[in-house]
Amino acid sequence: MAIFMDRHDLKGYSAADVAEAHRKDLEIQDQFGVKFLTYWFDHQRGTAFCLIDAPDKETAQCVHREAHGHVAGEVVEVALSAVEAFLGRIHDPEPHTTDSKDNADCAHRAIMFTDIVGSTEMTARLGDRMGTELVRAHDAMVRRCLKQSGGSEVKHTGDGIMAAFASTTQAVGCASAIHQEFQRYNRGNAEPLHIRIGIDCGEPVEDSNDLFGTTVQLAARLCSAAGAGQILVSENVLREHGRSAAFAKTRRLKLKGFSKPVAAFECTWTA
């Protein structure tokens, strides 16, 4: 058995409709040796995502076809730990009792990367022990801001952190708070720490075989392209955030892994 996540285009359907389709999946899943673990519904974008324990993709699709006819457009194999890290749960949500348009439990996420500028040179200059202590200082400040902003740490990257947020507003707010934290830290420390941040947003099942594949890749590349004290966000974030006055367009960037130059926007933050 393997774990899969699929994507459905359900524009025009309600949360109650999707909950009923999920109930029908559960009703017949045992006949196919499949277990539907949970689902997410994004009313705003008209998409639904199912998390399934199944022998293969085709069998999971057979359940959908037999239960209600809404066959998924895309199916990817995923790790439960990664799903929980990005989306916060791997079990069913509370059942919908009304035809709600609440988008709080959708699977759309903003992905943020932080990175210590010049960490390799810093460790070579100061030594492993002091370098490690400075990374710990970075981790403590970033994690404090994540907790305050409603973000969740996905993984530690060695000299930075990857995090996920339910909204771009949370992600941008957290990124600004992180830079403010480091600015205060640098005022009182002889060895300053400078970081850069990149943010993109998207859906868990995209045009790739990885969970949040393109979103993670672009957020990481924007982080690498940012300068010290800078926040670079994608055009997707600008569109979702809806506050264009807070962003200044940079030149289009040639980023590794992307065939065409990518529009990037610098987020201004208040000292």
Foldseek 3Di string as FASTA:
>chain_A
DFKKKFKFQAAPDFLQRVLVLVVLLCVCVVVLPKDWFEKFAAHVRRMMMTIIDHPDLVSSQVSSCVRPNGGTPDMATADPLLCCQAQVDRHYDPRDPDRDNDRQRHQKKKKKKKFWPPLVVVCVVPHDVVSVVVLVVLVVLLVVLCVVLVKGWNDQDPGMTMIIDSALVSVLVSLLSSLVVQVVVQVPDPDGIWMFMFMEIDGQDDPDNGGCVVRVQRRVQQRVVDDTSWYKYFPRSCVRVVDCVQWAWDDFDDTPPDPDTGTIIIGDHDD
